[in-house]
Amino acid sequence: MKLPALALSLSLLALGQTAHAAPDFAQVKDILTKNACLACHAVDKKVIGPGYNEVAAKHKGQADAAAVLTKHIKEGSSGVYGPIPMPPNVGISDADIKVVVDWLVAGAPQ
């Protein structure tokens, strides 16, 4: 009797891991604005850095996407989207990074 309950629990846990609702775009836009992200990025086109839709597409379906994107935001990156490096964004809070990364992993919907 315990095995079916365990199987059901694991199945529900797996569904919860894959089903992410995108954060509200207004909240994401506020975070991007207050952290000057929009000086180099736009949602739907390349500015200095790639558009957020391009970032989302590049990492779509990757199991480690959230960890990679979090690292790039915190520590910066180089050579991922071309020769212009992305500087580290040390001023953004971990909570705000999570909101932005969840939005990116969800496909950067507007």
N, C-alpha and C. Protein backbone atom coordinates (compact mmCIF):
# COMPACT_ATOMS: atom_id res chain seq x y z
N MET A 1 0.81 -1.19 0.00
CA MET A 1 0.00 0.00 0.00
C MET A 1 0.86 1.26 0.00
N LYS A 2 2.03 1.20 0.61
CA LYS A 2 2.89 2.38 0.67
C LYS A 2 3.53 2.68 -0.67
N LEU A 3 3.82 1.68 -1.47
CA LEU A 3 4.48 1.89 -2.76
C LEU A 3 3.63 2.73 -3.71
N PRO A 4 2.33 2.47 -3.87
CA PRO A 4 1.53 3.33 -4.75
C PRO A 4 1.46 4.78 -4.26
N ALA A 5 1.39 4.97 -2.96
CA ALA A 5 1.35 6.34 -2.42
C ALA A 5 2.67 7.05 -2.70
N LEU A 6 3.78 6.32 -2.58
CA LEU A 6 5.09 6.90 -2.87
C LEU A 6 5.20 7.26 -4.35
N ALA A 7 4.73 6.36 -5.21
CA ALA A 7 4.78 6.62 -6.65
C ALA A 7 3.95 7.85 -7.01
N LEU A 8 2.78 7.97 -6.41
CA LEU A 8 1.93 9.13 -6.67
C LEU A 8 2.60 10.41 -6.18
N SER A 9 3.18 10.35 -5.01
CA SER A 9 3.86 11.53 -4.45
C SER A 9 5.02 11.97 -5.34
N LEU A 10 5.81 11.02 -5.81
CA LEU A 10 6.94 11.35 -6.67
C LEU A 10 6.47 11.94 -8.00
N SER A 11 5.38 11.40 -8.53
CA SER A 11 4.84 11.92 -9.79
C SER A 11 4.38 13.37 -9.63
N LEU A 12 3.68 13.65 -8.53
CA LEU A 12 3.21 15.02 -8.28
C LEU A 12 4.38 15.96 -8.05
N LEU A 13 5.41 15.48 -7.37
CA LEU A 13 6.60 16.28 -7.16
C LEU A 13 7.27 16.61 -8.49
N ALA A 14 7.37 15.64 -9.37
CA ALA A 14 7.98 15.87 -10.68
C ALA A 14 7.17 16.89 -11.48
N LEU A 15 5.86 16.81 -11.44
CA LEU A 15 5.03 17.79 -12.15
C LEU A 15 5.24 19.18 -11.58
N GLY A 16 5.35 19.29 -10.30
CA GLY A 16 5.59 20.58 -9.67
C GLY A 16 6.92 21.18 -10.06
N GLN A 17 7.90 20.34 -10.32
CA GLN A 17 9.22 20.82 -10.71
C GLN A 17 9.21 21.37 -12.13
N THR A 18 8.39 20.82 -13.00
CA THR A 18 8.42 21.23 -14.40
C THR A 18 7.41 22.32 -14.73
N ALA A 19 6.37 22.45 -13.96
CA ALA A 19 5.33 23.42 -14.26
C ALA A 19 5.62 24.72 -13.52
N HIS A 20 6.17 25.68 -14.22
CA HIS A 20 6.48 26.98 -13.63
C HIS A 20 5.60 28.03 -14.28
N ALA A 21 4.89 28.73 -13.48
CA ALA A 21 4.15 29.87 -14.01
C ALA A 21 5.12 31.04 -14.08
N ALA A 22 5.08 31.74 -15.17
CA ALA A 22 5.97 32.89 -15.33
C ALA A 22 5.57 33.99 -14.37
N PRO A 23 6.55 34.65 -13.77
CA PRO A 23 6.22 35.81 -12.94
C PRO A 23 5.53 36.88 -13.78
N ASP A 24 4.79 37.73 -13.14
CA ASP A 24 4.10 38.82 -13.81
C ASP A 24 5.14 39.74 -14.49
N PHE A 25 4.91 40.05 -15.76
CA PHE A 25 5.88 40.85 -16.51
C PHE A 25 6.07 42.24 -15.90
N ALA A 26 5.04 42.81 -15.34
CA ALA A 26 5.18 44.14 -14.71
C ALA A 26 6.19 44.08 -13.57
N GLN A 27 6.16 43.01 -12.80
CA GLN A 27 7.13 42.83 -11.71
C GLN A 27 8.53 42.66 -12.27
N VAL A 28 8.67 41.86 -13.31
CA VAL A 28 9.97 41.64 -13.93
C VAL A 28 10.50 42.94 -14.51
N LYS A 29 9.66 43.68 -15.21
CA LYS A 29 10.08 44.94 -15.82
C LYS A 29 10.55 45.93 -14.76
N ASP A 30 9.88 45.95 -13.61
CA ASP A 30 10.30 46.82 -12.51
C ASP A 30 11.71 46.43 -12.04
N ILE A 31 11.96 45.15 -11.89
CA ILE A 31 13.28 44.66 -11.47
C ILE A 31 14.33 45.03 -12.51
N LEU A 32 14.03 44.79 -13.79
CA LEU A 32 14.98 45.10 -14.86
C LEU A 32 15.28 46.59 -14.92
N THR A 33 14.27 47.41 -14.68
CA THR A 33 14.46 48.86 -14.71
C THR A 33 15.31 49.34 -13.55
N LYS A 34 14.96 48.91 -12.34
CA LYS A 34 15.68 49.41 -11.17
C LYS A 34 17.12 48.91 -11.08
N ASN A 35 17.45 47.86 -11.83
CA ASN A 35 18.81 47.32 -11.83
C ASN A 35 19.57 47.65 -13.11
N ALA A 36 19.02 48.56 -13.93
CA ALA A 36 19.65 49.05 -15.16
C ALA A 36 19.90 47.96 -16.20
N CYS A 37 19.18 46.87 -16.11
CA CYS A 37 19.34 45.78 -17.09
C CYS A 37 18.92 46.22 -18.49
N LEU A 38 17.92 47.11 -18.53
CA LEU A 38 17.37 47.54 -19.82
C LEU A 38 18.29 48.52 -20.55
N ALA A 39 19.39 48.92 -19.92
CA ALA A 39 20.38 49.73 -20.62
C ALA A 39 21.10 48.91 -21.68
N CYS A 40 21.20 47.60 -21.46
CA CYS A 40 21.92 46.73 -22.39
C CYS A 40 21.03 45.68 -23.06
N HIS A 41 19.85 45.43 -22.49
CA HIS A 41 18.97 44.37 -23.00
C HIS A 41 17.57 44.93 -23.25
N ALA A 42 16.90 44.35 -24.22
CA ALA A 42 15.47 44.58 -24.44
C ALA A 42 14.81 43.20 -24.41
N VAL A 43 13.52 43.17 -24.34
CA VAL A 43 12.83 41.89 -24.30
C VAL A 43 12.91 41.19 -25.65
N ASP A 44 12.69 41.92 -26.73
CA ASP A 44 12.49 41.29 -28.03
C ASP A 44 13.54 41.62 -29.08
N LYS A 45 14.65 42.26 -28.68
CA LYS A 45 15.70 42.56 -29.68
C LYS A 45 17.03 42.77 -28.99
N LYS A 46 18.08 42.61 -29.76
CA LYS A 46 19.43 42.85 -29.27
C LYS A 46 19.64 44.36 -29.11
N VAL A 47 20.25 44.75 -28.02
CA VAL A 47 20.65 46.14 -27.82
C VAL A 47 22.17 46.09 -27.80
N ILE A 48 22.78 46.07 -26.64
CA ILE A 48 24.21 45.77 -26.51
C ILE A 48 24.35 44.27 -26.29
N GLY A 49 23.50 43.77 -25.40
CA GLY A 49 23.43 42.34 -25.15
C GLY A 49 22.22 41.77 -25.85
N PRO A 50 22.06 40.46 -25.77
CA PRO A 50 20.94 39.81 -26.47
C PRO A 50 19.60 40.21 -25.89
N GLY A 51 18.56 40.06 -26.70
CA GLY A 51 17.20 40.23 -26.21
C GLY A 51 16.87 39.11 -25.24
N TYR A 52 16.02 39.39 -24.28
CA TYR A 52 15.65 38.36 -23.32
C TYR A 52 14.97 37.17 -23.98
N ASN A 53 14.26 37.40 -25.09
CA ASN A 53 13.65 36.28 -25.80
C ASN A 53 14.73 35.36 -26.37
N GLU A 54 15.85 35.92 -26.80
CA GLU A 54 16.97 35.11 -27.31
C GLU A 54 17.61 34.30 -26.17
N VAL A 55 17.76 34.93 -25.02
CA VAL A 55 18.32 34.24 -23.86
C VAL A 55 17.41 33.08 -23.47
N ALA A 56 16.12 33.33 -23.42
CA ALA A 56 15.16 32.28 -23.06
C ALA A 56 15.21 31.13 -24.06
N ALA A 57 15.27 31.46 -25.34
CA ALA A 57 15.31 30.42 -26.38
C ALA A 57 16.59 29.59 -26.28
N LYS A 58 17.70 30.23 -26.00
CA LYS A 58 18.98 29.52 -25.92
C LYS A 58 18.99 28.50 -24.79
N HIS A 59 18.31 28.82 -23.70
CA HIS A 59 18.35 27.95 -22.52
C HIS A 59 17.10 27.08 -22.37
N LYS A 60 16.18 27.16 -23.34
CA LYS A 60 14.93 26.40 -23.27
C LYS A 60 15.22 24.90 -23.16
N GLY A 61 14.58 24.29 -22.18
CA GLY A 61 14.69 22.84 -22.01
C GLY A 61 15.96 22.36 -21.32
N GLN A 62 16.85 23.25 -20.98
CA GLN A 62 18.09 22.84 -20.31
C GLN A 62 17.82 22.69 -18.81
N ALA A 63 18.19 21.54 -18.28
CA ALA A 63 17.94 21.25 -16.87
C ALA A 63 18.64 22.24 -15.94
N ASP A 64 19.79 22.72 -16.36
CA ASP A 64 20.57 23.63 -15.51
C ASP A 64 20.39 25.09 -15.86
N ALA A 65 19.36 25.41 -16.63
CA ALA A 65 19.17 26.79 -17.11
C ALA A 65 19.11 27.80 -15.97
N ALA A 66 18.36 27.51 -14.93
CA ALA A 66 18.21 28.47 -13.83
C ALA A 66 19.55 28.73 -13.15
N ALA A 67 20.32 27.68 -12.93
CA ALA A 67 21.63 27.84 -12.28
C ALA A 67 22.59 28.63 -13.17
N VAL A 68 22.59 28.33 -14.45
CA VAL A 68 23.49 29.03 -15.39
C VAL A 68 23.12 30.50 -15.49
N LEU A 69 21.84 30.79 -15.65
CA LEU A 69 21.40 32.18 -15.77
C LEU A 69 21.66 32.97 -14.49
N THR A 70 21.43 32.34 -13.35
CA THR A 70 21.72 33.00 -12.07
C THR A 70 23.19 33.35 -11.97
N LYS A 71 24.04 32.42 -12.35
CA LYS A 71 25.49 32.66 -12.31
C LYS A 71 25.88 33.79 -13.25
N HIS A 72 25.33 33.80 -14.46
CA HIS A 72 25.66 34.86 -15.41
C HIS A 72 25.24 36.23 -14.89
N ILE A 73 24.08 36.31 -14.26
CA ILE A 73 23.62 37.59 -13.72
C ILE A 73 24.51 38.03 -12.57
N LYS A 74 24.80 37.13 -11.66
CA LYS A 74 25.60 37.49 -10.49
C LYS A 74 27.06 37.77 -10.82
N GLU A 75 27.65 36.90 -11.63
CA GLU A 75 29.10 36.95 -11.86
C GLU A 75 29.50 37.56 -13.19
N GLY A 76 28.53 37.78 -14.07
CA GLY A 76 28.85 38.24 -15.41
C GLY A 76 29.20 37.05 -16.29
N SER A 77 29.44 37.33 -17.56
CA SER A 77 29.81 36.27 -18.49
C SER A 77 30.55 36.88 -19.66
N SER A 78 31.20 36.02 -20.41
CA SER A 78 31.96 36.49 -21.56
C SER A 78 31.91 35.44 -22.66
N GLY A 79 31.67 35.88 -23.89
CA GLY A 79 31.68 34.98 -25.02
C GLY A 79 30.43 34.13 -25.20
N VAL A 80 29.41 34.35 -24.41
CA VAL A 80 28.20 33.54 -24.50
C VAL A 80 27.35 33.99 -25.69
N TYR A 81 27.27 35.30 -25.91
CA TYR A 81 26.46 35.86 -27.00
C TYR A 81 27.28 36.75 -27.91
N GLY A 82 28.57 36.61 -27.88
CA GLY A 82 29.43 37.44 -28.71
C GLY A 82 30.58 38.00 -27.91
N PRO A 83 31.31 38.93 -28.49
CA PRO A 83 32.54 39.41 -27.86
C PRO A 83 32.36 40.40 -26.71
N ILE A 84 31.18 40.99 -26.59
CA ILE A 84 30.98 41.99 -25.54
C ILE A 84 30.63 41.27 -24.24
N PRO A 85 31.46 41.42 -23.21
CA PRO A 85 31.18 40.72 -21.95
C PRO A 85 30.04 41.37 -21.18
N MET A 86 29.36 40.57 -20.38
CA MET A 86 28.34 41.08 -19.48
C MET A 86 28.99 41.24 -18.12
N PRO A 87 28.98 42.44 -17.58
CA PRO A 87 29.59 42.62 -16.25
C PRO A 87 28.72 42.00 -15.17
N PRO A 88 29.32 41.69 -14.03
CA PRO A 88 28.51 41.17 -12.93
C PRO A 88 27.53 42.22 -12.44
N ASN A 89 26.38 41.76 -12.03
CA ASN A 89 25.37 42.67 -11.49
C ASN A 89 25.29 42.40 -9.99
N VAL A 90 26.16 43.06 -9.24
CA VAL A 90 26.27 42.81 -7.80
C VAL A 90 25.18 43.48 -7.00
N GLY A 91 24.45 44.42 -7.59
CA GLY A 91 23.43 45.16 -6.86
C GLY A 91 22.07 44.50 -6.80
N ILE A 92 21.83 43.51 -7.62
CA ILE A 92 20.51 42.87 -7.68
C ILE A 92 20.41 41.81 -6.56
N SER A 93 19.28 41.79 -5.89
CA SER A 93 19.10 40.84 -4.79
C SER A 93 18.87 39.43 -5.32
N ASP A 94 19.15 38.45 -4.48
CA ASP A 94 18.91 37.07 -4.86
C ASP A 94 17.43 36.83 -5.16
N ALA A 95 16.55 37.48 -4.41
CA ALA A 95 15.10 37.33 -4.64
C ALA A 95 14.72 37.88 -6.02
N ASP A 96 15.29 39.02 -6.39
CA ASP A 96 15.00 39.60 -7.71
C ASP A 96 15.60 38.76 -8.83
N ILE A 97 16.80 38.22 -8.60
CA ILE A 97 17.39 37.33 -9.61
C ILE A 97 16.48 36.14 -9.85
N LYS A 98 15.95 35.57 -8.79
CA LYS A 98 15.07 34.41 -8.94
C LYS A 98 13.83 34.75 -9.78
N VAL A 99 13.25 35.90 -9.54
CA VAL A 99 12.08 36.31 -10.32
C VAL A 99 12.45 36.42 -11.81
N VAL A 100 13.55 37.09 -12.09
CA VAL A 100 13.98 37.28 -13.49
C VAL A 100 14.31 35.93 -14.13
N VAL A 101 15.03 35.09 -13.42
CA VAL A 101 15.41 33.78 -13.97
C VAL A 101 14.17 32.92 -14.19
N ASP A 102 13.23 32.92 -13.26
CA ASP A 102 11.98 32.17 -13.46
C ASP A 102 11.25 32.65 -14.71
N TRP A 103 11.26 33.95 -14.93
CA TRP A 103 10.63 34.54 -16.12
C TRP A 103 11.35 34.09 -17.38
N LEU A 104 12.67 34.09 -17.35
CA LEU A 104 13.45 33.65 -18.51
C LEU A 104 13.21 32.17 -18.81
N VAL A 105 13.24 31.36 -17.77
CA VAL A 105 13.01 29.92 -17.95
C VAL A 105 11.60 29.65 -18.50
N ALA A 106 10.66 30.51 -18.17
CA ALA A 106 9.29 30.39 -18.68
C ALA A 106 9.16 30.90 -20.11
N GLY A 107 10.24 31.41 -20.69
CA GLY A 107 10.21 31.87 -22.08
C GLY A 107 10.19 33.36 -22.28
N ALA A 108 10.34 34.14 -21.21
CA ALA A 108 10.34 35.61 -21.26
C ALA A 108 9.05 36.17 -21.85
N PRO A 109 7.89 35.69 -21.36
CA PRO A 109 6.62 36.20 -21.90
C PRO A 109 6.33 37.63 -21.44
N GLN A 110 5.66 38.37 -22.30
CA GLN A 110 5.29 39.75 -21.97
C GLN A 110 3.84 39.83 -21.59
